[in-house]
Structures are given as C-alpha cells and as structure tokens.
C-alpha atoms as a PDB file:
ATOM      1  CA  UNK A   1       0.000   0.000   0.000  1.00  0.00           C
ATOM      2  CA  UNK A   2       1.388   3.384  -1.035  1.00  0.00           C
ATOM      3  CA  UNK A   3       1.633   5.876   1.817  1.00  0.00           C
ATOM      4  CA  UNK A   4       0.096   9.337   1.717  1.00  0.00           C
ATOM      5  CA  UNK A   5       3.595  10.811   2.032  1.00  0.00           C
ATOM      6  CA  UNK A   6       4.732   8.953  -1.077  1.00  0.00           C
ATOM      7  CA  UNK A   7       1.679  10.035  -3.061  1.00  0.00           C
ATOM      8  CA  UNK A   8       2.231  13.670  -2.115  1.00  0.00           C
ATOM      9  CA  UNK A   9       5.908  13.522  -3.083  1.00  0.00           C
ATOM     10  CA  UNK A  10       5.019  11.931  -6.420  1.00  0.00           C
ATOM     11  CA  UNK A  11       2.427  14.623  -7.139  1.00  0.00           C
ATOM     12  CA  UNK A  12       4.926  17.364  -6.277  1.00  0.00           C
ATOM     13  CA  UNK A  13       7.431  15.750  -8.674  1.00  0.00           C
ATOM     14  CA  UNK A  14       4.924  15.382 -11.504  1.00  0.00           C
ATOM     15  CA  UNK A  15       3.693  18.960 -11.136  1.00  0.00           C
ATOM     16  CA  UNK A  16       7.295  20.187 -10.710  1.00  0.00           C
ATOM     17  CA  UNK A  17       6.315  22.556  -7.908  1.00  0.00           C
ATOM     18  CA  UNK A  18       7.796  23.917  -4.690  1.00  0.00           C
ATOM     19  CA  UNK A  19       4.351  23.934  -3.068  1.00  0.00           C
ATOM     20  CA  UNK A  20       2.910  21.098  -1.020  1.00  0.00           C
ATOM     21  CA  UNK A  21      -0.812  20.344  -1.319  1.00  0.00           C
ATOM     22  CA  UNK A  22      -2.461  22.081   1.641  1.00  0.00           C
ATOM     23  CA  UNK A  23      -4.973  20.332   3.860  1.00  0.00           C
ATOM     24  CA  UNK A  24      -7.803  22.282   5.489  1.00  0.00           C
ATOM     25  CA  UNK A  25      -9.726  20.772   8.397  1.00  0.00           C
ATOM     26  CA  UNK A  26     -12.944  22.330   9.733  1.00  0.00           C
ATOM     27  CA  UNK A  27     -13.590  21.453  13.392  1.00  0.00           C
ATOM     28  CA  UNK A  28     -17.120  22.043  14.674  1.00  0.00           C
ATOM     29  CA  UNK A  29     -16.850  20.735  18.221  1.00  0.00           C
ATOM     30  CA  UNK A  30     -14.536  21.175  21.164  1.00  0.00           C
ATOM     31  CA  UNK A  31     -13.872  17.444  21.597  1.00  0.00           C
ATOM     32  CA  UNK A  32     -11.548  17.017  18.598  1.00  0.00           C
ATOM     33  CA  UNK A  33      -7.940  16.452  19.650  1.00  0.00           C
ATOM     34  CA  UNK A  34      -5.642  18.983  18.000  1.00  0.00           C
ATOM     35  CA  UNK A  35      -1.926  18.391  17.574  1.00  0.00           C
ATOM     36  CA  UNK A  36      -0.145  21.082  19.594  1.00  0.00           C
ATOM     37  CA  UNK A  37       2.381  21.560  16.794  1.00  0.00           C
ATOM     38  CA  UNK A  38      -0.143  23.804  15.027  1.00  0.00           C
ATOM     39  CA  UNK A  39       0.739  27.475  15.502  1.00  0.00           C
ATOM     40  CA  UNK A  40      -2.099  29.809  16.457  1.00  0.00           C
ATOM     41  CA  UNK A  41      -2.151  32.743  14.044  1.00  0.00           C
ATOM     42  CA  UNK A  42      -0.728  35.839  15.690  1.00  0.00           C
ATOM     43  CA  UNK A  43      -0.353  38.223  12.780  1.00  0.00           C
ATOM     44  CA  UNK A  44      -3.054  40.410  11.315  1.00  0.00           C
ATOM     45  CA  UNK A  45      -2.931  38.573   7.985  1.00  0.00           C
ATOM     46  CA  UNK A  46      -5.517  37.003   5.699  1.00  0.00           C
ATOM     47  CA  UNK A  47      -6.684  33.395   5.515  1.00  0.00           C
ATOM     48  CA  UNK A  48      -5.279  33.138   1.981  1.00  0.00           C
ATOM     49  CA  UNK A  49      -1.879  34.288   3.304  1.00  0.00           C
ATOM     50  CA  UNK A  50      -1.794  31.438   5.822  1.00  0.00           C
ATOM     51  CA  UNK A  51      -2.799  28.916   3.134  1.00  0.00           C
ATOM     52  CA  UNK A  52       0.148  29.987   0.979  1.00  0.00           C
ATOM     53  CA  UNK A  53       2.487  29.771   3.978  1.00  0.00           C
ATOM     54  CA  UNK A  54       1.157  26.271   4.693  1.00  0.00           C
ATOM     55  CA  UNK A  55       2.001  25.260   1.127  1.00  0.00           C
ATOM     56  CA  UNK A  56       5.587  26.169   2.023  1.00  0.00           C
ATOM     57  CA  UNK A  57       5.593  23.953   5.119  1.00  0.00           C
ATOM     58  CA  UNK A  58       3.953  25.789   8.024  1.00  0.00           C
ATOM     59  CA  UNK A  59       1.056  24.652  10.248  1.00  0.00           C
ATOM     60  CA  UNK A  60      -1.635  26.991  11.563  1.00  0.00           C
ATOM     61  CA  UNK A  61      -4.743  26.926  13.703  1.00  0.00           C
ATOM     62  CA  UNK A  62      -7.376  29.648  13.308  1.00  0.00           C
ATOM     63  CA  UNK A  63      -9.958  30.265  16.011  1.00  0.00           C
ATOM     64  CA  UNK A  64     -13.125  32.310  16.101  1.00  0.00           C
ATOM     65  CA  UNK A  65     -11.521  35.016  18.226  1.00  0.00           C
ATOM     66  CA  UNK A  66      -8.394  35.434  16.086  1.00  0.00           C
ATOM     67  CA  UNK A  67      -8.230  38.771  14.304  1.00  0.00           C
ATOM     68  CA  UNK A  68      -7.724  38.023  10.625  1.00  0.00           C
ATOM     69  CA  UNK A  69      -7.234  41.052   8.397  1.00  0.00           C
ATOM     70  CA  UNK A  70     -10.033  39.922   6.057  1.00  0.00           C
ATOM     71  CA  UNK A  71     -13.419  39.110   7.631  1.00  0.00           C
ATOM     72  CA  UNK A  72     -14.917  36.997   4.834  1.00  0.00           C
ATOM     73  CA  UNK A  73     -13.282  33.702   5.975  1.00  0.00           C
ATOM     74  CA  UNK A  74     -15.288  33.889   9.204  1.00  0.00           C
ATOM     75  CA  UNK A  75     -18.467  33.656   7.127  1.00  0.00           C
ATOM     76  CA  UNK A  76     -17.242  31.341   4.351  1.00  0.00           C
ATOM     77  CA  UNK A  77     -15.715  28.837   6.799  1.00  0.00           C
ATOM     78  CA  UNK A  78     -18.684  28.773   9.150  1.00  0.00           C
ATOM     79  CA  UNK A  79     -17.461  30.730  12.158  1.00  0.00           C
ATOM     80  CA  UNK A  80     -20.243  33.329  11.890  1.00  0.00           C
ATOM     81  CA  UNK A  81     -23.578  33.881  10.171  1.00  0.00           C
ATOM     82  CA  UNK A  82     -23.417  36.817   7.749  1.00  0.00           C
ATOM     83  CA  UNK A  83     -25.826  39.683   8.408  1.00  0.00           C
ATOM     84  CA  UNK A  84     -25.244  41.347   5.056  1.00  0.00           C
ATOM     85  CA  UNK A  85     -23.739  40.469   1.716  1.00  0.00           C
ATOM     86  CA  UNK A  86     -24.025  37.608  -0.733  1.00  0.00           C
ATOM     87  CA  UNK A  87     -21.886  34.577   0.084  1.00  0.00           C
ATOM     88  CA  UNK A  88     -22.161  32.049  -2.744  1.00  0.00           C
ATOM     89  CA  UNK A  89     -20.038  29.529  -0.882  1.00  0.00           C
ATOM     90  CA  UNK A  90     -20.143  29.140   2.880  1.00  0.00           C
ATOM     91  CA  UNK A  91     -20.303  26.347   5.438  1.00  0.00           C
ATOM     92  CA  UNK A  92     -23.676  26.003   7.162  1.00  0.00           C
ATOM     93  CA  UNK A  93     -24.621  26.049   9.986  1.00  0.00           C
ATOM     94  CA  UNK A  94     -22.103  28.505  11.401  1.00  0.00           C
ATOM     95  CA  UNK A  95     -20.803  26.328  14.235  1.00  0.00           C
ATOM     96  CA  UNK A  96     -17.112  26.126  13.304  1.00  0.00           C
ATOM     97  CA  UNK A  97     -14.806  26.244  16.327  1.00  0.00           C
ATOM     98  CA  UNK A  98     -11.397  26.068  14.681  1.00  0.00           C
ATOM     99  CA  UNK A  99      -9.792  25.630  11.257  1.00  0.00           C
ATOM    100  CA  UNK A 100      -6.497  23.793  10.769  1.00  0.00           C
ATOM    101  CA  UNK A 101      -4.225  24.567   7.817  1.00  0.00           C
ATOM    102  CA  UNK A 102      -1.022  22.650   7.042  1.00  0.00           C
ATOM    103  CA  UNK A 103       0.815  20.671   4.380  1.00  0.00           C
ATOM    104  CA  UNK A 104      -1.380  17.644   3.734  1.00  0.00           C
ATOM    105  CA  UNK A 105       1.279  15.192   4.914  1.00  0.00           C
ATOM    106  CA  UNK A 106       1.455  16.924   8.326  1.00  0.00           C
ATOM    107  CA  UNK A 107      -2.071  15.913   9.336  1.00  0.00           C
ATOM    108  CA  UNK A 108      -2.779  12.945  11.591  1.00  0.00           C
ATOM    109  CA  UNK A 109      -6.471  13.034  10.649  1.00  0.00           C
ATOM    110  CA  UNK A 110      -8.475  13.186   7.444  1.00  0.00           C
ATOM    111  CA  UNK A 111      -8.966  16.721   6.160  1.00  0.00           C
ATOM    112  CA  UNK A 112     -11.992  18.242   4.428  1.00  0.00           C
ATOM    113  CA  UNK A 113     -10.397  20.154   1.570  1.00  0.00           C
ATOM    114  CA  UNK A 114      -7.099  20.080  -0.315  1.00  0.00           C
ATOM    115  CA  UNK A 115      -5.718  23.240  -1.919  1.00  0.00           C
ATOM    116  CA  UNK A 116      -3.148  23.278  -4.723  1.00  0.00           C
ATOM    117  CA  UNK A 117      -1.279  26.504  -5.529  1.00  0.00           C
ATOM    118  CA  UNK A 118      -0.356  26.121  -9.181  1.00  0.00           C
ATOM    119  CA  UNK A 119       0.550  27.778 -12.463  1.00  0.00           C
ATOM    120  CA  UNK A 120      -1.242  27.349 -15.788  1.00  0.00           C
ATOM    121  CA  UNK A 121       0.611  24.183 -16.856  1.00  0.00           C
ATOM    122  CA  UNK A 122       0.149  22.532 -13.458  1.00  0.00           C
ATOM    123  CA  UNK A 123      -3.549  23.398 -13.489  1.00  0.00           C
ATOM    124  CA  UNK A 124      -3.830  21.728 -16.904  1.00  0.00           C
ATOM    125  CA  UNK A 125      -2.385  18.496 -15.495  1.00  0.00           C
ATOM    126  CA  UNK A 126      -4.666  18.529 -12.452  1.00  0.00           C
ATOM    127  CA  UNK A 127      -7.749  19.350 -14.523  1.00  0.00           C
ATOM    128  CA  UNK A 128      -6.856  16.518 -16.903  1.00  0.00           C
ATOM    129  CA  UNK A 129      -6.648  14.135 -13.923  1.00  0.00           C
ATOM    130  CA  UNK A 130      -9.989  15.381 -12.565  1.00  0.00           C
ATOM    131  CA  UNK A 131     -11.640  15.074 -15.978  1.00  0.00           C
ATOM    132  CA  UNK A 132     -10.560  11.447 -16.139  1.00  0.00           C
ATOM    133  CA  UNK A 133     -12.098  10.874 -12.687  1.00  0.00           C
ATOM    134  CA  UNK A 134     -15.367  12.731 -13.112  1.00  0.00           C
ATOM    135  CA  UNK A 135     -15.847  12.257 -16.870  1.00  0.00           C
ATOM    136  CA  UNK A 136     -16.816  15.905 -17.255  1.00  0.00           C
ATOM    137  CA  UNK A 137     -15.339  19.378 -17.447  1.00  0.00           C
ATOM    138  CA  UNK A 138     -14.170  21.080 -14.262  1.00  0.00           C
ATOM    139  CA  UNK A 139     -15.804  24.202 -12.886  1.00  0.00           C
ATOM    140  CA  UNK A 140     -13.768  27.398 -12.803  1.00  0.00           C
ATOM    141  CA  UNK A 141     -14.776  30.380 -10.662  1.00  0.00           C
ATOM    142  CA  UNK A 142     -13.971  34.004 -11.414  1.00  0.00           C
ATOM    143  CA  UNK A 143     -15.622  36.059  -8.702  1.00  0.00           C
ATOM    144  CA  UNK A 144     -12.480  38.121  -7.973  1.00  0.00           C
ATOM    145  CA  UNK A 145     -13.380  38.009  -4.276  1.00  0.00           C
ATOM    146  CA  UNK A 146     -13.403  35.383  -1.508  1.00  0.00           C
ATOM    147  CA  UNK A 147     -11.264  33.139  -3.720  1.00  0.00           C
ATOM    148  CA  UNK A 148      -9.371  30.852  -1.324  1.00  0.00           C
ATOM    149  CA  UNK A 149     -11.834  30.861   1.583  1.00  0.00           C
ATOM    150  CA  UNK A 150     -14.989  30.740  -0.555  1.00  0.00           C
ATOM    151  CA  UNK A 151     -14.394  29.597  -4.127  1.00  0.00           C
ATOM    152  CA  UNK A 152     -11.761  27.023  -3.191  1.00  0.00           C
ATOM    153  CA  UNK A 153     -12.211  25.746   0.384  1.00  0.00           C
ATOM    154  CA  UNK A 154     -15.905  26.282   1.191  1.00  0.00           C
ATOM    155  CA  UNK A 155     -17.016  25.281  -2.315  1.00  0.00           C
ATOM    156  CA  UNK A 156     -15.062  22.003  -2.258  1.00  0.00           C
ATOM    157  CA  UNK A 157     -16.547  21.120   1.153  1.00  0.00           C
ATOM    158  CA  UNK A 158     -20.154  22.248   0.677  1.00  0.00           C
ATOM    159  CA  UNK A 159     -20.652  21.165  -2.933  1.00  0.00           C
ATOM    160  CA  UNK A 160     -18.139  18.296  -2.806  1.00  0.00           C
ATOM    161  CA  UNK A 161     -16.733  19.413  -6.121  1.00  0.00           C
ATOM    162  CA  UNK A 162     -13.339  20.602  -7.384  1.00  0.00           C
ATOM    163  CA  UNK A 163     -12.954  24.213  -8.411  1.00  0.00           C
ATOM    164  CA  UNK A 164     -10.263  26.259 -10.151  1.00  0.00           C
ATOM    165  CA  UNK A 165      -9.921  29.924  -9.180  1.00  0.00           C
ATOM    166  CA  UNK A 166      -8.104  32.894 -10.720  1.00  0.00           C
ATOM    167  CA  UNK A 167      -7.774  34.259  -7.162  1.00  0.00           C
ATOM    168  CA  UNK A 168      -8.829  37.679  -5.906  1.00  0.00           C
ATOM    169  CA  UNK A 169      -7.334  41.092  -5.242  1.00  0.00           C
ATOM    170  CA  UNK A 170      -6.800  40.281  -1.566  1.00  0.00           C
ATOM    171  CA  UNK A 171      -4.786  37.166  -2.365  1.00  0.00           C
ATOM    172  CA  UNK A 172      -2.593  38.895  -4.929  1.00  0.00           C
ATOM    173  CA  UNK A 173      -2.111  42.281  -3.253  1.00  0.00           C
ATOM    174  CA  UNK A 174      -1.929  41.332   0.424  1.00  0.00           C
ATOM    175  CA  UNK A 175      -1.047  37.637   0.611  1.00  0.00           C
ATOM    176  CA  UNK A 176       2.011  37.237  -1.649  1.00  0.00           C
ATOM    177  CA  UNK A 177       0.369  35.257  -4.474  1.00  0.00           C
ATOM    178  CA  UNK A 178       2.349  35.812  -7.665  1.00  0.00           C
ATOM    179  CA  UNK A 179       1.015  36.887 -11.054  1.00  0.00           C
ATOM    180  CA  UNK A 180       1.316  33.379 -12.502  1.00  0.00           C
ATOM    181  CA  UNK A 181      -0.306  31.563  -9.562  1.00  0.00           C
ATOM    182  CA  UNK A 182      -3.804  30.066  -9.499  1.00  0.00           C
ATOM    183  CA  UNK A 183      -5.484  27.805  -6.972  1.00  0.00           C
ATOM    184  CA  UNK A 184      -7.433  24.590  -7.244  1.00  0.00           C
ATOM    185  CA  UNK A 185      -9.435  23.032  -4.437  1.00  0.00           C
ATOM    186  CA  UNK A 186     -10.758  19.485  -4.175  1.00  0.00           C
ATOM    187  CA  UNK A 187     -12.627  17.529  -1.537  1.00  0.00           C
ATOM    188  CA  UNK A 188     -10.146  15.212   0.182  1.00  0.00           C
ATOM    189  CA  UNK A 189     -11.996  12.099  -1.036  1.00  0.00           C
ATOM    190  CA  UNK A 190     -10.679  12.784  -4.551  1.00  0.00           C
ATOM    191  CA  UNK A 191      -7.012  12.925  -3.555  1.00  0.00           C
ATOM    192  CA  UNK A 192      -6.141   9.259  -4.139  1.00  0.00           C
ATOM    193  CA  UNK A 193      -7.810   9.341  -7.559  1.00  0.00           C
ATOM    194  CA  UNK A 194      -5.885  12.516  -8.428  1.00  0.00           C
ATOM    195  CA  UNK A 195      -2.658  10.692  -7.616  1.00  0.00           C
ATOM    196  CA  UNK A 196      -3.568   7.619  -9.675  1.00  0.00           C
ATOM    197  CA  UNK A 197      -4.522   9.638 -12.735  1.00  0.00           C
ATOM    198  CA  UNK A 198      -1.523  11.953 -12.549  1.00  0.00           C
ATOM    199  CA  UNK A 199       0.660   8.838 -12.636  1.00  0.00           C
ATOM    200  CA  UNK A 200      -1.169   7.702 -15.794  1.00  0.00           C
ATOM    201  CA  UNK A 201      -0.679  11.126 -17.366  1.00  0.00           C
ATOM    202  CA  UNK A 202       3.008  11.032 -16.461  1.00  0.00           C
ATOM    203  CA  UNK A 203       3.432   7.696 -18.249  1.00  0.00           C
ATOM    204  CA  UNK A 204       1.644   9.015 -21.343  1.00  0.00           C
ATOM    205  CA  UNK A 205       3.880  12.077 -21.389  1.00  0.00           C
ATOM    206  CA  UNK A 206       6.982   9.898 -21.123  1.00  0.00           C
ATOM    207  CA  UNK A 207       5.750   7.770 -24.037  1.00  0.00           C
ATOM    208  CA  UNK A 208       5.015  10.851 -26.132  1.00  0.00           C
ATOM    209  CA  UNK A 209       8.501  12.179 -25.405  1.00  0.00           C
ATOM    210  CA  UNK A 210      10.052   8.872 -26.499  1.00  0.00           C
ATOM    211  CA  UNK A 211       8.042   8.924 -29.751  1.00  0.00           C
ATOM    212  CA  UNK A 212       9.049  12.524 -30.359  1.00  0.00           C
ATOM    213  CA  UNK A 213      12.712  11.646 -29.924  1.00  0.00           C
ATOM    214  CA  UNK A 214      12.351   8.734 -32.371  1.00  0.00           C
ATOM    215  CA  UNK A 215      10.803  11.046 -34.970  1.00  0.00           C
ATOM    216  CA  UNK A 216      13.698  13.483 -34.597  1.00  0.00           C
ATOM    217  CA  UNK A 217      16.210  10.681 -35.186  1.00  0.00           C
END
C-alpha cells in the first residue's frame, strides 16, 4: 500500500512545484484532539496568506476570536452567520470552532479540503486528472473576491466538487500570491484518484517524449 507521504511527493514531482498540497480541516466541536504543533495565528494577515504559507511547510490553527485582516473567511468557513452580503459559498450552519491549515502530509487526521497553488501548466495536469475521474469538465470560478476561503475551500466542502480559481485582489495584493499563480481546491476524497490519474498522465507524457525523440532521429 502506497503511503500518503509517497503520493504527495510523487504529485509534487509530476507537477514540478515547490508547493505542497495544503490540507484544510474544519472542526465544529470542542472534543476534537488537535496536535499542539499547530501554531495559532498571531499576525493580522488574511486566511489566503496562511494557506500559501502552509504550502511552504507551516502549520496553523485559526480560532473564532483570532483577528484576521479579512473578515470573509469567518463567514465562508462557518465561524459566523453573515448579516449582510451575498456569500455564494459558505459552510452552514455557522458552528465552526477552529480551522487547521497545514501541508497535507502533516495531518494525523483526514482533512476536508485540499488546496493546490499552481501555475497554468500545473492546473492543466490537475484538470486533466480530474476530468478522467469525473468524466466531465471542471468548474472554474472568477468572482475576484473570496477566492481561497470561498471559491476554493468552502465550495469544495459544501458542494463536494473541485474548483479552479483565478484568485482575488486580496490574495494577490496582500497575501504574496504571484502573477502566474492560481489555486485549485478538491474535496479530500478525490485525492487518491488525483494521484492515480496523474501517474497515468506522467506515463503518457513519457511515451510521447520517447516517440518525439524517435521522430527526430
């Protein structure tokens, strides 16, 4: 049986990325044991900032009383009920106690959502893998707001569907996302299938490269 660690390392190699897939766990009760290696957020930053930092190896815990710079994650992730505004993607009912964010391989429990920070070529490979799994085209969202917390994380949990996002102003201006970076979120239950199909795509690419080299000769 192939370990989760091995699958993650293989996916990172195939995508040729410095970013780890990020796991997001929504905890709605106070009885869940939480690994004390998670760092409580202590900077006035945005949820999308902490997700990008997690992709680079860090582990965070966000609580209802933490003061994130952007307020929309509190509504999208189910900490609070919104009084105003239109939230297309949010976790209901609003009973979330804490949210854990970390590289997927750092979790000792199953997560709810997996976030990939990717460029255009990497998104093509992941969408190809998802298309092979679901036998249909993949939804892309372009709301230019609430991208990581809403379009990516909440959407993948609530609707149990993958989603590709162009990100939002907050992510790009305040949270260090680069001009060439996108994000893709999937429910965790699809992760093993993503791995299996990326391996198939890798083999096809290797075969195509061999045929190309033969044609050149």
